[in-house]
Amino acid sequence: MLWLTWLAANTSMWMNDVAAAWLMTSLGPSPLWVALVQSASTLPVFLLGLPSGALADILDRRRYFVITQFWVAGTASVLCVVQLMGWMSAPLLLALTFANGVGLAMRWPVFSAIVPELVPRHDLPAALALNGVAMNTSRIIGPLMAGAIIASAGSAWVFVLNAVLSLAAAFTIMRWRRVHKESPLGRERLTSAIRVGVQYVWQSSRMRAITIRISLFFLHSTALLALLPLVARALGDGGAGTFTVLLAAMGSGAIVAALLMVRIRSLMPLQTLLFTGTLLQSAGMVTVAFAPSTYLAVPAMFLAGVAVITVANSLTVAAQMALPDWVRARGMSIYQMSLMGATAAGAALWGQVATWRGIHESLGIAAASSVCFMLISRRLVMDRGIEEDLTPSRVFKVPVADAPVDGGRIQTNIEYLIDPTRAVQFREVMQESRRSRISQGARDWQLLHDVYDPTRYVEQVTDESWTEHLRRFDRVTAADVQLRDRKLAFHTGEVPPRVTRFLVEK
């Protein structure tokens, strides 16, 4: 049910984007104005993705998903009315496209977090590939439907169908009987949830590498889609049909790649797969840029579709595997912010380059730059490549205060006795402990060394409040338990390390 809903929601998204891009070619036919349609559609995900991800982690996801669909339906209705009344202008079209993008920004993080709830972890790559099929089937169905409606009835009726599909998706989601479980600690504050989400991604070397690579890839690959309406005008009859055929070819390549994704991922490691995908996408983009006819451009678009879904799916799976359940929506929202922010910036960048140097040169520069930056990222961006066990764990005993703890930060001290000959190895493990504590939401971490007793070390962790201190126990994973055991292996005392907690007085 949710997969079909996702298919309908993305079909309506593609219909809206295609209709808006084609409408802009008559309202503001310069390359920059046309490219800005893509920027307006994707920029809200960059601006609002993180708050949306935080809300998806702390609110009822089903209700939140429904609200996003009603928002998209309302925006499509306004677009329809404005176009039918003849009030549309280039700036107004960009504003309404931005409003539609707000709905997408709200919707994507919650759906990303829902998928791992519904399938076992070992089936997650296949489930995400199936979502890729939905995304790229919609990439074919949406433009085909939009092109047919534009040619026969006009752009306004595309927005009408978009509103209808969005409403149908909203009512379908309302049938989902998901039970929302409230935390006994109450809802996390939005600002705190955002802070913790950012901390987790920043402390994870794998998530940092993934967000940088997805940003670099889409910063360059978006040039093809952003300038495609203008490329289509120079091919064949230059009509909406040519534009639709090129988009459908790209979507077909993406579907084929998604269906073969498990096999493709088994052929080579992630780093090789990313670079190969970048090469293929760049080759397809150059071919489309200088193709003398549609007959050559269509297979090149197919190749580009294969490359885009291969890179995007591989990095999406890697991101999902690097995130525990409690921060999944926030982590995926940051991932999507990176993707969409790069897409929005790339559309504006390559649109401006096309204005200065021409459409074909802009696409050629984007293709060459994409390969160069991906090579640089392989050398400079570190990824330890370690897949941790992020299964939730209840091994750690939750502390109970003898009296209510009101306000103020909590400082926890853990005292270790360490053999000085193993001090270097202990400090290395404690740096992993620092990353773990901060990623769970701690405000500060320090390792203290007693100047009078060289065997005594104190790990000092500061939390925002007693409630936030307790929340960290809900976020413990099997990997954290393994890290705890590695730290204890260095402790030489006859009793376990002494733990004390203090309320920081204001």
Protein backbone atom coordinates (compact mmCIF):
# COMPACT_ATOMS: atom_id res chain seq x y z
CA MET A 1 0.00 0.00 0.00
CA LEU A 2 2.75 2.43 0.96
CA TRP A 3 4.82 1.52 -2.10
CA LEU A 4 1.88 2.30 -4.40
CA THR A 5 1.31 5.53 -2.47
CA TRP A 6 4.96 6.44 -2.98
CA LEU A 7 4.61 5.69 -6.69
CA ALA A 8 1.57 7.98 -6.98
CA ALA A 9 3.21 10.73 -4.92
CA ASN A 10 6.33 10.74 -7.07
CA THR A 11 4.33 10.56 -10.29
CA SER A 12 2.57 13.75 -9.24
CA MET A 13 5.93 15.32 -8.35
CA TRP A 14 7.36 14.59 -11.80
CA MET A 15 4.21 15.83 -13.52
CA ASN A 16 4.46 19.10 -11.61
CA ASP A 17 8.19 19.56 -12.35
CA VAL A 18 7.81 18.77 -16.06
CA ALA A 19 4.80 21.07 -16.46
CA ALA A 20 6.54 23.88 -14.57
CA ALA A 21 9.78 23.51 -16.56
CA TRP A 22 7.93 23.48 -19.88
CA LEU A 23 5.73 26.40 -18.88
CA MET A 24 8.84 28.39 -17.95
CA THR A 25 10.25 28.02 -21.48
CA SER A 26 7.44 30.33 -22.63
CA LEU A 27 7.33 32.63 -19.57
CA GLY A 28 11.09 33.18 -19.18
CA PRO A 29 12.94 31.39 -21.98
CA SER A 30 16.51 32.20 -20.88
CA PRO A 31 18.60 29.21 -19.69
CA LEU A 32 18.88 30.66 -16.17
CA TRP A 33 15.10 31.02 -15.68
CA VAL A 34 14.47 27.48 -16.93
CA ALA A 35 17.22 26.03 -14.72
CA LEU A 36 15.86 27.93 -11.69
CA VAL A 37 12.67 25.82 -11.86
CA GLN A 38 14.74 22.85 -10.69
CA SER A 39 16.39 25.00 -8.02
CA ALA A 40 12.99 26.17 -6.73
CA SER A 41 11.76 22.58 -6.58
CA THR A 42 14.72 21.19 -4.66
CA LEU A 43 15.91 24.13 -2.52
CA PRO A 44 13.19 23.63 0.16
CA VAL A 45 14.58 20.17 0.89
CA PHE A 46 17.93 21.79 1.63
CA LEU A 47 16.39 24.54 3.79
CA LEU A 48 13.73 22.52 5.64
CA GLY A 49 14.96 18.95 5.46
CA LEU A 50 16.57 18.86 8.91
CA PRO A 51 13.58 20.27 10.85
CA SER A 52 11.36 17.91 8.89
CA GLY A 53 13.58 14.95 9.77
CA ALA A 54 13.55 15.93 13.44
CA LEU A 55 9.74 16.15 13.42
CA ALA A 56 9.53 12.76 11.72
CA ASP A 57 11.59 11.26 14.55
CA ILE A 58 9.53 12.77 17.39
CA LEU A 59 5.96 12.90 15.98
CA ASP A 60 3.49 10.30 14.74
CA ARG A 61 4.90 9.48 11.31
CA ARG A 62 1.59 8.43 9.80
CA ARG A 63 -0.16 11.70 10.62
CA TYR A 64 2.84 13.70 9.56
CA PHE A 65 2.95 11.86 6.21
CA VAL A 66 -0.74 12.62 5.64
CA ILE A 67 -0.23 16.35 6.31
CA THR A 68 2.56 16.51 3.71
CA GLN A 69 0.27 15.08 1.04
CA PHE A 70 -2.50 17.60 1.78
CA TRP A 71 0.09 20.39 1.51
CA VAL A 72 1.17 19.20 -1.95
CA ALA A 73 -2.47 18.90 -3.05
CA GLY A 74 -3.20 22.45 -1.88
CA THR A 75 -0.18 23.86 -3.73
CA ALA A 76 -1.18 22.05 -6.93
CA SER A 77 -4.70 23.50 -6.63
CA VAL A 78 -3.32 27.05 -6.38
CA LEU A 79 -1.08 26.44 -9.41
CA CYS A 80 -4.08 25.21 -11.37
CA VAL A 81 -6.26 28.23 -10.52
CA VAL A 82 -3.51 30.76 -11.27
CA GLN A 83 -2.75 29.19 -14.64
CA LEU A 84 -6.44 28.90 -15.66
CA MET A 85 -7.04 32.54 -14.73
CA GLY A 86 -4.07 33.66 -16.82
CA TRP A 87 -2.24 35.25 -13.87
CA MET A 88 0.95 33.19 -14.16
CA SER A 89 4.33 34.92 -14.43
CA ALA A 90 7.88 33.61 -14.22
CA PRO A 91 8.51 34.80 -10.61
CA LEU A 92 5.10 33.50 -9.46
CA LEU A 93 5.76 30.11 -11.07
CA LEU A 94 9.06 29.87 -9.21
CA ALA A 95 7.34 30.82 -5.92
CA LEU A 96 4.63 28.17 -6.34
CA THR A 97 7.19 25.57 -7.41
CA PHE A 98 9.10 26.41 -4.21
CA ALA A 99 5.89 25.91 -2.19
CA ASN A 100 5.42 22.50 -3.81
CA GLY A 101 9.03 21.72 -2.88
CA VAL A 102 8.20 22.48 0.76
CA GLY A 103 5.80 19.53 0.66
CA LEU A 104 8.57 17.33 -0.73
CA ALA A 105 10.93 18.52 2.00
CA MET A 106 8.39 17.47 4.63
CA ARG A 107 7.61 14.13 2.95
CA TRP A 108 10.93 12.54 2.08
CA PRO A 109 12.54 12.16 5.54
CA VAL A 110 9.47 10.48 7.01
CA PHE A 111 9.22 7.97 4.16
CA SER A 112 12.94 7.21 4.43
CA ALA A 113 12.44 6.40 8.11
CA ILE A 114 9.34 4.29 7.48
CA VAL A 115 10.94 1.78 5.10
CA PRO A 116 13.29 0.15 7.68
CA GLU A 117 10.27 -0.26 10.00
CA LEU A 118 8.57 -2.49 7.43
CA VAL A 119 11.37 -4.79 6.21
CA PRO A 120 14.16 -6.79 7.91
CA ARG A 121 17.62 -5.23 7.79
CA HIS A 122 18.97 -7.86 5.35
CA ASP A 123 16.15 -6.98 2.91
CA LEU A 124 16.75 -3.23 3.15
CA PRO A 125 18.96 -2.92 0.02
CA ALA A 126 16.33 -4.73 -2.07
CA ALA A 127 13.53 -2.62 -0.56
CA LEU A 128 15.39 0.58 -1.35
CA ALA A 129 15.99 -0.67 -4.89
CA LEU A 130 12.23 -1.27 -5.15
CA ASN A 131 11.70 2.32 -4.08
CA GLY A 132 14.09 3.24 -6.86
CA VAL A 133 11.79 1.39 -9.25
CA ALA A 134 8.85 3.46 -7.96
CA MET A 135 10.83 6.69 -8.29
CA ASN A 136 11.92 5.92 -11.82
CA THR A 137 8.68 4.38 -13.00
CA SER A 138 7.16 7.69 -11.95
CA ARG A 139 9.96 9.38 -13.90
CA ILE A 140 8.48 7.72 -17.02
CA ILE A 141 4.76 7.82 -16.20
CA GLY A 142 4.82 11.38 -14.89
CA PRO A 143 6.47 13.04 -17.92
CA LEU A 144 4.43 10.93 -20.36
CA MET A 145 1.18 11.91 -18.67
CA ALA A 146 2.31 15.52 -18.32
CA GLY A 147 3.42 15.71 -21.95
CA ALA A 148 0.17 14.23 -23.22
CA ILE A 149 -1.93 16.58 -21.08
CA ILE A 150 0.15 19.66 -21.98
CA ALA A 151 -0.18 18.85 -25.69
CA SER A 152 -3.92 18.21 -25.55
CA ALA A 153 -5.32 20.41 -22.77
CA GLY A 154 -2.60 22.69 -21.35
CA SER A 155 -0.36 22.88 -18.28
CA ALA A 156 -3.17 23.82 -15.87
CA TRP A 157 -4.73 20.37 -16.15
CA VAL A 158 -1.43 18.75 -15.19
CA PHE A 159 -1.69 20.62 -11.89
CA VAL A 160 -5.30 19.42 -11.51
CA LEU A 161 -4.24 15.78 -11.85
CA ASN A 162 -1.33 16.41 -9.48
CA ALA A 163 -3.80 17.61 -6.82
CA VAL A 164 -6.05 14.58 -7.34
CA LEU A 165 -3.16 12.09 -7.05
CA SER A 166 -1.83 13.83 -3.93
CA LEU A 167 -5.24 13.67 -2.25
CA ALA A 168 -5.62 9.99 -3.18
CA ALA A 169 -2.20 9.29 -1.63
CA ALA A 170 -3.17 11.15 1.55
CA PHE A 171 -6.39 9.18 2.02
CA THR A 172 -4.54 5.93 1.35
CA ILE A 173 -1.94 6.69 4.05
CA MET A 174 -4.80 7.36 6.50
CA ARG A 175 -5.74 3.66 6.19
CA TRP A 176 -2.33 2.60 7.56
CA ARG A 177 -2.78 1.34 11.13
CA ARG A 178 0.62 2.23 12.48
CA VAL A 179 0.79 2.53 16.28
CA HIS A 180 2.87 5.49 17.45
CA LYS A 181 4.80 4.82 20.68
CA GLU A 182 5.43 7.87 22.83
CA SER A 183 8.68 7.96 24.80
CA PRO A 184 8.15 7.80 28.60
CA LEU A 185 10.54 10.76 28.75
CA GLY A 186 8.15 12.84 26.65
CA ARG A 187 8.71 14.42 23.26
CA GLU A 188 12.18 15.67 22.49
CA ARG A 189 12.39 19.43 21.90
CA LEU A 190 12.76 20.32 18.22
CA THR A 191 15.96 22.34 18.70
CA SER A 192 17.54 19.57 20.74
CA ALA A 193 16.46 16.93 18.20
CA ILE A 194 18.05 18.95 15.38
CA ARG A 195 21.28 19.43 17.37
CA VAL A 196 21.57 15.71 18.13
CA GLY A 197 20.90 14.76 14.50
CA VAL A 198 23.66 17.06 13.28
CA GLN A 199 26.03 15.76 15.95
CA TYR A 200 25.42 12.15 14.96
CA VAL A 201 26.13 12.72 11.27
CA TRP A 202 29.19 14.87 12.00
CA GLN A 203 30.70 12.27 14.35
CA SER A 204 30.15 9.42 11.85
CA SER A 205 33.02 9.25 9.36
CA ARG A 206 30.88 7.09 7.09
CA MET A 207 27.96 9.54 7.03
CA ARG A 208 30.32 12.48 6.40
CA ALA A 209 31.86 10.67 3.43
CA ILE A 210 28.44 9.69 2.06
CA THR A 211 27.03 13.23 2.25
CA ILE A 212 30.10 14.74 0.57
CA ARG A 213 30.02 12.21 -2.29
CA ILE A 214 26.29 12.49 -2.94
CA SER A 215 26.66 16.28 -2.97
CA LEU A 216 29.51 16.21 -5.50
CA PHE A 217 27.70 13.77 -7.75
CA PHE A 218 24.41 15.66 -7.93
CA LEU A 219 26.07 19.08 -8.09
CA HIS A 220 27.30 18.02 -11.53
CA SER A 221 24.77 15.45 -12.76
CA THR A 222 21.85 17.85 -12.24
CA ALA A 223 23.12 19.92 -15.19
CA LEU A 224 21.59 17.37 -17.57
CA LEU A 225 18.07 17.56 -16.12
CA ALA A 226 18.19 21.31 -15.49
CA LEU A 227 19.08 22.11 -19.12
CA LEU A 228 17.17 19.22 -20.74
CA PRO A 229 14.15 21.34 -21.83
CA LEU A 230 16.52 23.55 -23.85
CA VAL A 231 18.43 20.55 -25.21
CA ALA A 232 15.09 19.02 -26.28
CA ARG A 233 14.13 22.19 -28.15
CA ALA A 234 17.24 21.77 -30.32
CA LEU A 235 16.50 18.11 -31.13
CA GLY A 236 13.85 16.58 -33.39
CA ASP A 237 10.78 18.76 -33.66
CA GLY A 238 11.74 20.64 -30.50
CA GLY A 239 8.38 19.96 -28.91
CA ALA A 240 7.14 18.57 -25.60
CA GLY A 241 7.19 15.09 -27.13
CA THR A 242 10.98 15.14 -27.54
CA PHE A 243 11.43 16.35 -23.96
CA THR A 244 9.14 13.58 -22.70
CA VAL A 245 10.93 10.86 -24.70
CA LEU A 246 14.32 11.90 -23.30
CA LEU A 247 13.00 11.86 -19.73
CA ALA A 248 11.34 8.49 -20.31
CA ALA A 249 14.62 7.07 -21.65
CA MET A 250 16.44 8.19 -18.51
CA GLY A 251 13.71 6.72 -16.32
CA SER A 252 13.83 3.42 -18.23
CA GLY A 253 17.57 3.15 -17.62
CA ALA A 254 17.02 3.82 -13.93
CA ILE A 255 14.35 1.10 -13.68
CA VAL A 256 16.57 -1.48 -15.39
CA ALA A 257 19.44 -0.60 -13.05
CA ALA A 258 17.17 -0.79 -9.98
CA LEU A 259 15.94 -4.26 -10.95
CA LEU A 260 19.55 -5.44 -11.35
CA MET A 261 20.86 -3.49 -8.36
CA VAL A 262 21.61 -6.49 -6.11
CA ARG A 263 23.73 -8.05 -8.85
CA ILE A 264 25.41 -4.76 -9.74
CA ARG A 265 26.35 -4.12 -6.09
CA SER A 266 27.88 -7.62 -5.85
CA LEU A 267 30.24 -7.00 -8.79
CA MET A 268 32.41 -4.31 -7.20
CA PRO A 269 33.04 -2.48 -3.91
CA LEU A 270 31.25 0.79 -3.14
CA GLN A 271 34.12 3.13 -4.06
CA THR A 272 34.63 1.50 -7.47
CA LEU A 273 30.90 1.49 -8.09
CA LEU A 274 30.66 5.22 -7.36
CA PHE A 275 33.50 6.13 -9.69
CA THR A 276 32.21 3.87 -12.48
CA GLY A 277 28.74 5.40 -12.14
CA THR A 278 30.23 8.89 -12.32
CA LEU A 279 32.11 8.01 -15.51
CA LEU A 280 28.98 6.56 -17.14
CA GLN A 281 26.83 9.55 -16.18
CA SER A 282 29.42 11.99 -17.51
CA ALA A 283 29.71 10.06 -20.77
CA GLY A 284 25.94 10.07 -21.18
CA MET A 285 25.75 13.81 -20.45
CA VAL A 286 28.43 14.68 -23.03
CA THR A 287 26.74 12.50 -25.64
CA VAL A 288 23.36 14.16 -25.08
CA ALA A 289 24.96 17.61 -25.20
CA PHE A 290 26.47 17.09 -28.64
CA ALA A 291 24.03 14.53 -30.10
CA PRO A 292 23.00 15.50 -33.65
CA SER A 293 19.63 13.73 -33.33
CA THR A 294 17.19 12.16 -30.89
CA TYR A 295 18.30 8.68 -31.99
CA LEU A 296 21.68 9.18 -30.33
CA ALA A 297 20.41 11.21 -27.38
CA VAL A 298 17.89 8.55 -26.26
CA PRO A 299 20.44 5.74 -25.56
CA ALA A 300 22.70 8.30 -23.89
CA MET A 301 19.85 9.32 -21.58
CA PHE A 302 19.23 5.62 -20.85
CA LEU A 303 22.91 5.25 -19.87
CA ALA A 304 22.70 8.35 -17.67
CA GLY A 305 19.62 6.89 -15.94
CA VAL A 306 21.48 3.66 -15.19
CA ALA A 307 24.38 5.62 -13.71
CA VAL A 308 22.28 7.99 -11.59
CA ILE A 309 20.19 5.28 -9.91
CA THR A 310 23.28 3.11 -9.35
CA VAL A 311 25.17 5.87 -7.53
CA ALA A 312 22.10 7.18 -5.67
CA ASN A 313 20.92 3.72 -4.54
CA SER A 314 24.40 2.63 -3.44
CA LEU A 315 24.87 5.75 -1.31
CA THR A 316 21.30 5.61 0.05
CA VAL A 317 21.78 2.00 1.20
CA ALA A 318 25.11 2.95 2.78
CA ALA A 319 23.44 5.84 4.62
CA GLN A 320 20.58 3.67 5.90
CA MET A 321 23.06 1.06 7.15
CA ALA A 322 25.06 3.76 8.96
CA LEU A 323 22.06 5.08 10.94
CA PRO A 324 20.36 3.57 14.01
CA ASP A 325 16.55 3.69 14.22
CA TRP A 326 16.35 6.52 16.77
CA VAL A 327 18.04 9.08 14.48
CA ARG A 328 17.17 7.61 11.08
CA ALA A 329 14.79 10.34 9.83
CA ARG A 330 17.19 13.10 10.90
CA GLY A 331 20.18 11.36 9.35
CA MET A 332 18.35 10.70 6.09
CA SER A 333 17.08 14.28 6.04
CA ILE A 334 20.69 15.52 6.20
CA TYR A 335 21.55 13.09 3.40
CA GLN A 336 18.64 14.40 1.32
CA MET A 337 19.55 17.99 2.16
CA SER A 338 23.00 17.31 0.76
CA LEU A 339 21.51 15.76 -2.37
CA MET A 340 18.87 18.42 -2.96
CA GLY A 341 21.05 21.34 -1.92
CA ALA A 342 23.65 20.20 -4.44
CA THR A 343 20.91 19.73 -7.06
CA ALA A 344 19.54 23.23 -6.48
CA ALA A 345 22.99 24.82 -6.49
CA GLY A 346 24.04 22.80 -9.54
CA ALA A 347 20.94 23.80 -11.52
CA ALA A 348 21.60 27.49 -10.87
CA LEU A 349 25.36 27.11 -11.48
CA TRP A 350 25.11 25.26 -14.79
CA GLY A 351 22.22 27.46 -15.92
CA GLN A 352 24.45 30.49 -15.43
CA VAL A 353 27.38 28.79 -17.18
CA ALA A 354 25.02 27.99 -20.08
CA THR A 355 24.03 31.67 -20.23
CA TRP A 356 27.70 32.67 -20.53
CA ARG A 357 29.13 29.84 -22.65
CA GLY A 358 26.18 28.00 -24.20
CA ILE A 359 24.17 24.89 -23.32
CA HIS A 360 26.52 22.34 -24.92
CA GLU A 361 29.69 23.75 -23.36
CA SER A 362 28.00 23.92 -19.96
CA LEU A 363 27.14 20.20 -20.08
CA GLY A 364 30.66 19.33 -21.25
CA ILE A 365 32.26 21.28 -18.40
CA ALA A 366 29.91 19.66 -15.87
CA ALA A 367 30.82 16.17 -17.13
CA ALA A 368 34.58 16.76 -16.93
CA SER A 369 34.34 18.46 -13.54
CA SER A 370 32.26 15.60 -12.12
CA VAL A 371 34.95 13.01 -12.84
CA CYS A 372 37.72 15.25 -11.45
CA PHE A 373 35.93 15.98 -8.18
CA MET A 374 35.00 12.35 -7.61
CA LEU A 375 38.65 11.38 -8.04
CA ILE A 376 39.68 14.06 -5.54
CA SER A 377 37.06 12.91 -3.02
CA ARG A 378 38.38 9.32 -3.17
CA ARG A 379 41.76 10.58 -1.96
CA LEU A 380 40.74 13.27 0.54
CA VAL A 381 37.47 12.06 2.11
CA MET A 382 38.11 9.37 4.70
CA ASP A 383 35.64 6.54 5.24
CA ARG A 384 36.68 3.79 7.64
CA GLY A 385 34.27 1.45 5.83
CA ILE A 386 33.24 -0.22 9.11
CA GLU A 387 29.63 -1.39 9.27
CA GLU A 388 28.68 -1.27 12.97
CA ASP A 389 25.97 -3.32 14.66
CA LEU A 390 23.29 -0.68 15.32
CA THR A 391 20.75 -3.04 16.90
CA PRO A 392 19.16 -1.30 19.93
CA SER A 393 20.45 -2.61 23.27
CA ARG A 394 19.15 -2.39 26.85
CA VAL A 395 22.32 -3.70 28.50
CA PHE A 396 23.22 -0.41 30.21
CA LYS A 397 21.45 0.14 33.52
CA VAL A 398 19.38 3.34 33.53
CA PRO A 399 20.27 5.52 36.56
CA VAL A 400 17.57 6.49 39.04
CA ALA A 401 17.88 9.72 41.03
CA ASP A 402 16.98 9.70 44.73
CA ALA A 403 15.23 13.06 44.30
CA PRO A 404 13.82 14.99 41.31
CA VAL A 405 16.55 16.63 39.24
CA ASP A 406 15.28 19.97 37.99
CA GLY A 407 17.14 22.07 35.41
CA GLY A 408 20.84 22.39 34.82
CA ARG A 409 23.35 20.29 32.99
CA ILE A 410 24.45 16.85 34.18
CA GLN A 411 28.12 15.95 34.38
CA THR A 412 29.04 12.26 34.50
CA ASN A 413 32.53 11.16 35.59
CA ILE A 414 33.82 7.62 34.92
CA GLU A 415 37.16 6.80 36.59
CA TYR A 416 39.56 4.26 35.02
CA LEU A 417 42.84 2.83 36.28
CA ILE A 418 45.10 2.19 33.29
CA ASP A 419 48.51 0.56 32.93
CA PRO A 420 50.81 3.40 31.70
CA THR A 421 52.36 1.08 29.12
CA ARG A 422 48.93 0.79 27.43
CA ALA A 423 48.02 4.48 27.72
CA VAL A 424 48.39 5.22 23.99
CA GLN A 425 46.01 2.42 22.97
CA PHE A 426 43.57 3.48 25.71
CA ARG A 427 43.50 7.07 24.41
CA GLU A 428 42.73 5.82 20.90
CA VAL A 429 39.76 3.82 22.16
CA MET A 430 38.60 6.82 24.20
CA GLN A 431 38.46 8.91 21.03
CA GLU A 432 35.95 6.38 19.74
CA SER A 433 34.13 6.81 23.05
CA ARG A 434 34.05 10.56 22.47
CA ARG A 435 32.44 10.08 19.04
CA SER A 436 29.91 7.67 20.53
CA ARG A 437 28.91 9.98 23.43
CA ILE A 438 28.61 13.07 21.23
CA SER A 439 26.66 11.23 18.54
CA GLN A 440 24.17 10.08 21.22
CA GLY A 441 23.52 13.71 22.16
CA ALA A 442 26.05 14.68 24.84
CA ARG A 443 26.91 18.39 24.90
CA ASP A 444 30.59 17.94 25.79
CA TRP A 445 33.22 15.25 26.40
CA GLN A 446 36.68 15.36 27.95
CA LEU A 447 39.32 12.89 29.04
CA LEU A 448 41.15 13.96 32.23
CA HIS A 449 44.52 12.55 33.39
CA ASP A 450 45.51 12.79 37.06
CA VAL A 451 48.81 14.70 37.31
CA TYR A 452 49.65 12.97 40.64
CA ASP A 453 48.56 9.44 39.69
CA PRO A 454 49.60 8.45 36.11
CA THR A 455 47.31 5.41 36.21
CA ARG A 456 44.11 7.41 36.86
CA TYR A 457 41.96 8.70 33.98
CA VAL A 458 38.51 10.30 34.19
CA GLU A 459 36.07 10.29 31.27
CA GLN A 460 33.84 13.36 31.71
CA VAL A 461 30.53 13.60 29.79
CA THR A 462 28.18 16.60 29.97
CA ASP A 463 24.47 16.40 29.08
CA GLU A 464 22.00 19.24 28.53
CA SER A 465 19.68 18.02 31.33
CA TRP A 466 18.75 14.98 33.36
CA THR A 467 16.09 14.05 30.79
CA GLU A 468 18.59 14.31 27.93
CA HIS A 469 21.02 12.21 29.99
CA LEU A 470 18.38 9.48 30.27
CA ARG A 471 17.61 9.69 26.55
CA ARG A 472 21.16 8.55 25.80
CA PHE A 473 20.38 5.20 27.41
CA ASP A 474 17.52 4.74 24.92
CA ARG A 475 20.01 5.28 22.08
CA VAL A 476 22.53 2.58 23.06
CA THR A 477 23.29 0.04 20.31
CA ALA A 478 25.14 -3.26 20.23
CA ALA A 479 28.17 -1.36 18.86
CA ASP A 480 28.15 0.85 21.97
CA VAL A 481 28.12 -2.25 24.20
CA GLN A 482 31.13 -3.63 22.32
CA LEU A 483 32.91 -0.29 22.76
CA ARG A 484 32.14 -0.34 26.51
CA ASP A 485 33.70 -3.82 26.77
CA ARG A 486 36.82 -2.65 24.92
CA LYS A 487 37.23 0.25 27.38
CA LEU A 488 36.75 -2.03 30.39
CA ALA A 489 39.45 -4.35 29.07
CA PHE A 490 42.00 -1.60 29.84
CA HIS A 491 40.79 -1.07 33.44
CA THR A 492 43.16 -2.62 36.00
CA GLY A 493 41.14 -1.92 39.15
CA GLU A 494 39.70 -4.74 41.26
CA VAL A 495 36.22 -3.17 41.05
CA PRO A 496 34.50 -1.67 37.98
CA PRO A 497 35.19 1.97 37.10
CA ARG A 498 33.56 4.37 39.56
CA VAL A 499 30.69 6.41 38.06
CA THR A 500 29.54 9.69 39.65
CA ARG A 501 26.92 12.17 38.40
CA PHE A 502 26.70 15.86 39.27
CA LEU A 503 24.15 18.58 38.65
CA VAL A 504 25.96 21.67 37.36
CA GLU A 505 24.67 24.53 39.53
CA LYS A 506 23.91 27.79 37.76
